[in-house]
């Protein structure tokens, strides 16, 4: 398993150092993902709390050009 970067909240979804900084994920799921300007990568700031947020996280994973958003496979 690829290591999560510092700043991700605990939970199923996380980002890795593979983040290229495009911020597509932030545009898709702004309530759950933010860009850490100091670190230069996106972080998960809130795990999904409903079906709509879950769908946006999945869309973020599918849209990430560097495959830096991960799902640890837990339920």
PDB file of N, CA and C in Angstrom:
ATOM      1  N   UNK A   1       0.834  -1.178   0.000  1.00  0.00           N
ATOM      2  CA  UNK A   1       0.000   0.000   0.000  1.00  0.00           C
ATOM      3  C   UNK A   1       0.883   1.247   0.000  1.00  0.00           C
ATOM      4  N   UNK A   2       0.525   2.205  -0.815  1.00  0.00           N
ATOM      5  CA  UNK A   2       1.248   3.472  -0.896  1.00  0.00           C
ATOM      6  C   UNK A   2       0.905   4.291   0.338  1.00  0.00           C
ATOM      7  N   UNK A   3       1.890   4.971   0.874  1.00  0.00           N
ATOM      8  CA  UNK A   3       1.694   5.761   2.087  1.00  0.00           C
ATOM      9  C   UNK A   3       0.897   7.026   1.815  1.00  0.00           C
ATOM     10  N   UNK A   4       0.006   7.330   2.740  1.00  0.00           N
ATOM     11  CA  UNK A   4      -0.742   8.583   2.693  1.00  0.00           C
ATOM     12  C   UNK A   4       0.185   9.727   3.092  1.00  0.00           C
ATOM     13  N   UNK A   5      -0.034  10.885   2.493  1.00  0.00           N
ATOM     14  CA  UNK A   5       0.751  12.058   2.872  1.00  0.00           C
ATOM     15  C   UNK A   5       0.214  12.632   4.184  1.00  0.00           C
ATOM     16  N   UNK A   6       1.029  13.390   4.865  1.00  0.00           N
ATOM     17  CA  UNK A   6       0.632  14.031   6.102  1.00  0.00           C
ATOM     18  C   UNK A   6      -0.476  15.045   5.827  1.00  0.00           C
ATOM     19  N   UNK A   7      -1.447  15.095   6.707  1.00  0.00           N
ATOM     20  CA  UNK A   7      -2.526  16.056   6.577  1.00  0.00           C
ATOM     21  C   UNK A   7      -3.862  15.436   6.231  1.00  0.00           C
ATOM     22  N   UNK A   8      -3.864  14.216   5.686  1.00  0.00           N
ATOM     23  CA  UNK A   8      -5.123  13.529   5.420  1.00  0.00           C
ATOM     24  C   UNK A   8      -5.806  13.193   6.736  1.00  0.00           C
ATOM     25  N   UNK A   9      -7.133  13.371   6.775  1.00  0.00           N
ATOM     26  CA  UNK A   9      -7.872  12.927   7.956  1.00  0.00           C
ATOM     27  C   UNK A   9      -7.939  11.406   7.935  1.00  0.00           C
ATOM     28  N   UNK A  10      -8.014  10.782   9.096  1.00  0.00           N
ATOM     29  CA  UNK A  10      -8.118   9.317   9.127  1.00  0.00           C
ATOM     30  C   UNK A  10      -9.383   8.835   8.416  1.00  0.00           C
ATOM     31  N   UNK A  11      -9.268   7.710   7.757  1.00  0.00           N
ATOM     32  CA  UNK A  11     -10.416   7.124   7.088  1.00  0.00           C
ATOM     33  C   UNK A  11     -10.060   6.392   5.818  1.00  0.00           C
ATOM     34  N   UNK A  12     -11.073   6.008   5.114  1.00  0.00           N
ATOM     35  CA  UNK A  12     -10.980   5.180   3.915  1.00  0.00           C
ATOM     36  C   UNK A  12     -10.208   5.840   2.773  1.00  0.00           C
ATOM     37  N   UNK A  13     -10.426   7.124   2.560  1.00  0.00           N
ATOM     38  CA  UNK A  13      -9.803   7.820   1.432  1.00  0.00           C
ATOM     39  C   UNK A  13      -8.590   8.621   1.889  1.00  0.00           C
ATOM     40  N   UNK A  14      -7.590   8.684   1.014  1.00  0.00           N
ATOM     41  CA  UNK A  14      -6.383   9.445   1.318  1.00  0.00           C
ATOM     42  C   UNK A  14      -5.667   9.818   0.025  1.00  0.00           C
ATOM     43  N   UNK A  15      -4.751  10.752   0.126  1.00  0.00           N
ATOM     44  CA  UNK A  15      -3.935  11.128  -1.032  1.00  0.00           C
ATOM     45  C   UNK A  15      -2.486  10.733  -0.770  1.00  0.00           C
ATOM     46  N   UNK A  16      -1.736  10.624  -1.859  1.00  0.00           N
ATOM     47  CA  UNK A  16      -0.337  10.195  -1.774  1.00  0.00           C
ATOM     48  C   UNK A  16       0.587  11.267  -2.360  1.00  0.00           C
ATOM     49  N   UNK A  17       1.868  11.030  -2.228  1.00  0.00           N
ATOM     50  CA  UNK A  17       2.853  11.979  -2.761  1.00  0.00           C
ATOM     51  C   UNK A  17       2.893  12.001  -4.283  1.00  0.00           C
ATOM     52  N   UNK A  18       2.119  11.147  -4.919  1.00  0.00           N
ATOM     53  CA  UNK A  18       2.036  11.150  -6.385  1.00  0.00           C
ATOM     54  C   UNK A  18       1.273  12.364  -6.919  1.00  0.00           C
ATOM     55  N   UNK A  19       0.620  13.122  -6.025  1.00  0.00           N
ATOM     56  CA  UNK A  19      -0.177  14.281  -6.425  1.00  0.00           C
ATOM     57  C   UNK A  19       0.662  15.255  -7.254  1.00  0.00           C
ATOM     58  N   UNK A  20       0.115  15.619  -8.422  1.00  0.00           N
ATOM     59  CA  UNK A  20       0.801  16.545  -9.327  1.00  0.00           C
ATOM     60  C   UNK A  20       0.363  17.994  -9.120  1.00  0.00           C
ATOM     61  N   UNK A  21      -0.617  18.201  -8.245  1.00  0.00           N
ATOM     62  CA  UNK A  21      -1.039  19.563  -7.944  1.00  0.00           C
ATOM     63  C   UNK A  21      -2.037  20.163  -8.913  1.00  0.00           C
ATOM     64  N   UNK A  22      -2.705  19.357  -9.714  1.00  0.00           N
ATOM     65  CA  UNK A  22      -3.640  19.893 -10.720  1.00  0.00           C
ATOM     66  C   UNK A  22      -4.931  20.417 -10.095  1.00  0.00           C
ATOM     67  N   UNK A  23      -5.292  19.927  -8.940  1.00  0.00           N
ATOM     68  CA  UNK A  23      -6.459  20.342  -8.176  1.00  0.00           C
ATOM     69  C   UNK A  23      -7.794  19.967  -8.809  1.00  0.00           C
ATOM     70  N   UNK A  24      -7.800  19.048  -9.736  1.00  0.00           N
ATOM     71  CA  UNK A  24      -9.052  18.566 -10.317  1.00  0.00           C
ATOM     72  C   UNK A  24      -9.931  17.997  -9.204  1.00  0.00           C
ATOM     73  N   UNK A  25      -9.341  17.267  -8.280  1.00  0.00           N
ATOM     74  CA  UNK A  25     -10.102  16.660  -7.189  1.00  0.00           C
ATOM     75  C   UNK A  25     -10.757  17.710  -6.293  1.00  0.00           C
ATOM     76  N   UNK A  26     -10.080  18.818  -6.089  1.00  0.00           N
ATOM     77  CA  UNK A  26     -10.625  19.904  -5.271  1.00  0.00           C
ATOM     78  C   UNK A  26     -11.843  20.507  -5.968  1.00  0.00           C
ATOM     79  N   UNK A  27     -11.779  20.627  -7.287  1.00  0.00           N
ATOM     80  CA  UNK A  27     -12.916  21.135  -8.045  1.00  0.00           C
ATOM     81  C   UNK A  27     -14.117  20.182  -7.959  1.00  0.00           C
ATOM     82  N   UNK A  28     -13.842  18.884  -7.945  1.00  0.00           N
ATOM     83  CA  UNK A  28     -14.908  17.880  -7.919  1.00  0.00           C
ATOM     84  C   UNK A  28     -15.501  17.722  -6.518  1.00  0.00           C
ATOM     85  N   UNK A  29     -14.652  17.635  -5.515  1.00  0.00           N
ATOM     86  CA  UNK A  29     -15.118  17.349  -4.148  1.00  0.00           C
ATOM     87  C   UNK A  29     -14.547  18.359  -3.144  1.00  0.00           C
ATOM     88  N   UNK A  30     -14.922  19.630  -3.266  1.00  0.00           N
ATOM     89  CA  UNK A  30     -14.330  20.665  -2.409  1.00  0.00           C
ATOM     90  C   UNK A  30     -14.664  20.536  -0.922  1.00  0.00           C
ATOM     91  N   UNK A  31     -15.733  19.817  -0.598  1.00  0.00           N
ATOM     92  CA  UNK A  31     -16.060  19.615   0.820  1.00  0.00           C
ATOM     93  C   UNK A  31     -15.200  18.534   1.455  1.00  0.00           C
ATOM     94  N   UNK A  32     -14.549  17.728   0.620  1.00  0.00           N
ATOM     95  CA  UNK A  32     -13.780  16.601   1.121  1.00  0.00           C
ATOM     96  C   UNK A  32     -12.282  16.684   0.853  1.00  0.00           C
ATOM     97  N   UNK A  33     -11.908  17.433  -0.163  1.00  0.00           N
ATOM     98  CA  UNK A  33     -10.493  17.512  -0.550  1.00  0.00           C
ATOM     99  C   UNK A  33     -10.098  18.973  -0.675  1.00  0.00           C
ATOM    100  N   UNK A  34      -8.902  19.280  -0.181  1.00  0.00           N
ATOM    101  CA  UNK A  34      -8.378  20.642  -0.296  1.00  0.00           C
ATOM    102  C   UNK A  34      -6.927  20.557  -0.754  1.00  0.00           C
ATOM    103  N   UNK A  35      -6.417  21.653  -1.238  1.00  0.00           N
ATOM    104  CA  UNK A  35      -5.016  21.698  -1.671  1.00  0.00           C
ATOM    105  C   UNK A  35      -4.193  22.385  -0.597  1.00  0.00           C
ATOM    106  N   UNK A  36      -3.134  21.731  -0.158  1.00  0.00           N
ATOM    107  CA  UNK A  36      -2.230  22.286   0.839  1.00  0.00           C
ATOM    108  C   UNK A  36      -1.134  23.043   0.081  1.00  0.00           C
ATOM    109  N   UNK A  37      -1.265  24.357   0.026  1.00  0.00           N
ATOM    110  CA  UNK A  37      -0.315  25.170  -0.736  1.00  0.00           C
ATOM    111  C   UNK A  37       1.114  25.025  -0.223  1.00  0.00           C
ATOM    112  N   UNK A  38       1.273  24.935   1.083  1.00  0.00           N
ATOM    113  CA  UNK A  38       2.618  24.814   1.663  1.00  0.00           C
ATOM    114  C   UNK A  38       3.283  23.495   1.281  1.00  0.00           C
ATOM    115  N   UNK A  39       2.510  22.428   1.323  1.00  0.00           N
ATOM    116  CA  UNK A  39       3.065  21.108   1.011  1.00  0.00           C
ATOM    117  C   UNK A  39       3.113  20.844  -0.490  1.00  0.00           C
ATOM    118  N   UNK A  40       2.180  21.457  -1.237  1.00  0.00           N
ATOM    119  CA  UNK A  40       2.157  21.270  -2.683  1.00  0.00           C
ATOM    120  C   UNK A  40       1.384  20.056  -3.150  1.00  0.00           C
ATOM    121  N   UNK A  41       0.459  19.576  -2.322  1.00  0.00           N
ATOM    122  CA  UNK A  41      -0.360  18.447  -2.734  1.00  0.00           C
ATOM    123  C   UNK A  41      -1.749  18.542  -2.115  1.00  0.00           C
ATOM    124  N   UNK A  42      -2.669  17.769  -2.675  1.00  0.00           N
ATOM    125  CA  UNK A  42      -4.045  17.713  -2.175  1.00  0.00           C
ATOM    126  C   UNK A  42      -4.103  16.781  -0.972  1.00  0.00           C
ATOM    127  N   UNK A  43      -5.039  17.081  -0.057  1.00  0.00           N
ATOM    128  CA  UNK A  43      -5.266  16.224   1.102  1.00  0.00           C
ATOM    129  C   UNK A  43      -6.771  16.032   1.305  1.00  0.00           C
ATOM    130  N   UNK A  44      -7.120  14.900   1.867  1.00  0.00           N
ATOM    131  CA  UNK A  44      -8.512  14.649   2.233  1.00  0.00           C
ATOM    132  C   UNK A  44      -8.742  15.340   3.576  1.00  0.00           C
ATOM    133  N   UNK A  45      -9.662  16.310   3.562  1.00  0.00           N
ATOM    134  CA  UNK A  45      -9.930  17.089   4.776  1.00  0.00           C
ATOM    135  C   UNK A  45     -11.163  16.577   5.528  1.00  0.00           C
ATOM    136  N   UNK A  46     -11.987  15.770   4.845  1.00  0.00           N
ATOM    137  CA  UNK A  46     -13.176  15.203   5.471  1.00  0.00           C
ATOM    138  C   UNK A  46     -13.571  13.951   4.707  1.00  0.00           C
ATOM    139  N   UNK A  47     -13.773  12.873   5.411  1.00  0.00           N
ATOM    140  CA  UNK A  47     -14.251  11.651   4.784  1.00  0.00           C
ATOM    141  C   UNK A  47     -15.721  11.838   4.396  1.00  0.00           C
ATOM    142  N   UNK A  48     -16.176  11.177   3.339  1.00  0.00           N
ATOM    143  CA  UNK A  48     -17.567  11.308   2.910  1.00  0.00           C
ATOM    144  C   UNK A  48     -18.533  10.917   4.030  1.00  0.00           C
ATOM    145  N   UNK A  49     -19.606  11.695   4.139  1.00  0.00           N
ATOM    146  CA  UNK A  49     -20.608  11.440   5.172  1.00  0.00           C
ATOM    147  C   UNK A  49     -21.959  11.053   4.595  1.00  0.00           C
ATOM    148  N   UNK A  50     -22.062  11.022   3.261  1.00  0.00           N
ATOM    149  CA  UNK A  50     -23.331  10.641   2.632  1.00  0.00           C
ATOM    150  C   UNK A  50     -23.038  10.107   1.230  1.00  0.00           C
ATOM    151  N   UNK A  51     -24.070   9.617   0.578  1.00  0.00           N
ATOM    152  CA  UNK A  51     -23.900   9.009  -0.753  1.00  0.00           C
ATOM    153  C   UNK A  51     -23.380  10.010  -1.784  1.00  0.00           C
ATOM    154  N   UNK A  52     -23.845  11.252  -1.712  1.00  0.00           N
ATOM    155  CA  UNK A  52     -23.409  12.260  -2.684  1.00  0.00           C
ATOM    156  C   UNK A  52     -21.912  12.522  -2.541  1.00  0.00           C
ATOM    157  N   UNK A  53     -21.434  12.666  -1.319  1.00  0.00           N
ATOM    158  CA  UNK A  53     -19.994  12.895  -1.103  1.00  0.00           C
ATOM    159  C   UNK A  53     -19.184  11.670  -1.502  1.00  0.00           C
ATOM    160  N   UNK A  54     -19.721  10.489  -1.246  1.00  0.00           N
ATOM    161  CA  UNK A  54     -19.048   9.244  -1.641  1.00  0.00           C
ATOM    162  C   UNK A  54     -18.894   9.201  -3.166  1.00  0.00           C
ATOM    163  N   UNK A  55     -19.938   9.552  -3.882  1.00  0.00           N
ATOM    164  CA  UNK A  55     -19.886   9.574  -5.349  1.00  0.00           C
ATOM    165  C   UNK A  55     -18.848  10.566  -5.854  1.00  0.00           C
ATOM    166  N   UNK A  56     -18.742  11.716  -5.207  1.00  0.00           N
ATOM    167  CA  UNK A  56     -17.751  12.716  -5.624  1.00  0.00           C
ATOM    168  C   UNK A  56     -16.330  12.243  -5.342  1.00  0.00           C
ATOM    169  N   UNK A  57     -16.142  11.511  -4.269  1.00  0.00           N
ATOM    170  CA  UNK A  57     -14.804  10.968  -3.994  1.00  0.00           C
ATOM    171  C   UNK A  57     -14.417   9.941  -5.062  1.00  0.00           C
ATOM    172  N   UNK A  58     -15.356   9.099  -5.439  1.00  0.00           N
ATOM    173  CA  UNK A  58     -15.089   8.114  -6.490  1.00  0.00           C
ATOM    174  C   UNK A  58     -14.794   8.829  -7.807  1.00  0.00           C
ATOM    175  N   UNK A  59     -15.549   9.866  -8.104  1.00  0.00           N
ATOM    176  CA  UNK A  59     -15.291  10.647  -9.317  1.00  0.00           C
ATOM    177  C   UNK A  59     -13.898  11.287  -9.259  1.00  0.00           C
ATOM    178  N   UNK A  60     -13.499  11.757  -8.083  1.00  0.00           N
ATOM    179  CA  UNK A  60     -12.163  12.342  -7.924  1.00  0.00           C
ATOM    180  C   UNK A  60     -11.081  11.312  -8.191  1.00  0.00           C
ATOM    181  N   UNK A  61     -11.272  10.110  -7.676  1.00  0.00           N
ATOM    182  CA  UNK A  61     -10.308   9.030  -7.923  1.00  0.00           C
ATOM    183  C   UNK A  61     -10.203   8.755  -9.416  1.00  0.00           C
ATOM    184  N   UNK A  62     -11.349   8.634 -10.061  1.00  0.00           N
ATOM    185  CA  UNK A  62     -11.376   8.329 -11.497  1.00  0.00           C
ATOM    186  C   UNK A  62     -10.799   9.460 -12.344  1.00  0.00           C
ATOM    187  N   UNK A  63     -10.870  10.686 -11.857  1.00  0.00           N
ATOM    188  CA  UNK A  63     -10.428  11.856 -12.622  1.00  0.00           C
ATOM    189  C   UNK A  63      -8.983  12.263 -12.354  1.00  0.00           C
ATOM    190  N   UNK A  64      -8.380  11.715 -11.328  1.00  0.00           N
ATOM    191  CA  UNK A  64      -7.016  12.110 -10.954  1.00  0.00           C
ATOM    192  C   UNK A  64      -6.001  11.609 -11.985  1.00  0.00           C
ATOM    193  N   UNK A  65      -5.318  12.524 -12.677  1.00  0.00           N
ATOM    194  CA  UNK A  65      -4.375  12.096 -13.715  1.00  0.00           C
ATOM    195  C   UNK A  65      -3.135  11.399 -13.165  1.00  0.00           C
ATOM    196  N   UNK A  66      -2.810  11.620 -11.894  1.00  0.00           N
ATOM    197  CA  UNK A  66      -1.621  10.985 -11.329  1.00  0.00           C
ATOM    198  C   UNK A  66      -1.961   9.837 -10.381  1.00  0.00           C
ATOM    199  N   UNK A  67      -3.244   9.472 -10.310  1.00  0.00           N
ATOM    200  CA  UNK A  67      -3.707   8.375  -9.463  1.00  0.00           C
ATOM    201  C   UNK A  67      -3.248   8.537  -8.014  1.00  0.00           C
ATOM    202  N   UNK A  68      -3.343   9.770  -7.513  1.00  0.00           N
ATOM    203  CA  UNK A  68      -2.848  10.085  -6.169  1.00  0.00           C
ATOM    204  C   UNK A  68      -3.909   9.989  -5.084  1.00  0.00           C
ATOM    205  N   UNK A  69      -5.159   9.758  -5.462  1.00  0.00           N
ATOM    206  CA  UNK A  69      -6.220   9.607  -4.475  1.00  0.00           C
ATOM    207  C   UNK A  69      -6.526   8.124  -4.368  1.00  0.00           C
ATOM    208  N   UNK A  70      -6.515   7.635  -3.152  1.00  0.00           N
ATOM    209  CA  UNK A  70      -6.682   6.202  -2.963  1.00  0.00           C
ATOM    210  C   UNK A  70      -7.846   5.875  -2.037  1.00  0.00           C
ATOM    211  N   UNK A  71      -8.331   4.668  -2.196  1.00  0.00           N
ATOM    212  CA  UNK A  71      -9.366   4.082  -1.360  1.00  0.00           C
ATOM    213  C   UNK A  71      -8.712   2.846  -0.722  1.00  0.00           C
ATOM    214  N   UNK A  72      -8.654   2.816   0.604  1.00  0.00           N
ATOM    215  CA  UNK A  72      -7.959   1.707   1.258  1.00  0.00           C
ATOM    216  C   UNK A  72      -8.730   0.390   1.215  1.00  0.00           C
ATOM    217  N   UNK A  73      -9.933   0.417   0.627  1.00  0.00           N
ATOM    218  CA  UNK A  73     -10.712  -0.803   0.470  1.00  0.00           C
ATOM    219  C   UNK A  73     -11.582  -1.144   1.663  1.00  0.00           C
ATOM    220  N   UNK A  74     -11.500  -0.361   2.730  1.00  0.00           N
ATOM    221  CA  UNK A  74     -12.351  -0.638   3.891  1.00  0.00           C
ATOM    222  C   UNK A  74     -13.771  -0.158   3.630  1.00  0.00           C
ATOM    223  N   UNK A  75     -14.680  -0.627   4.397  1.00  0.00           N
ATOM    224  CA  UNK A  75     -16.075  -0.195   4.218  1.00  0.00           C
ATOM    225  C   UNK A  75     -16.493   0.792   5.272  1.00  0.00           C
TER     226      UNK A  75
END
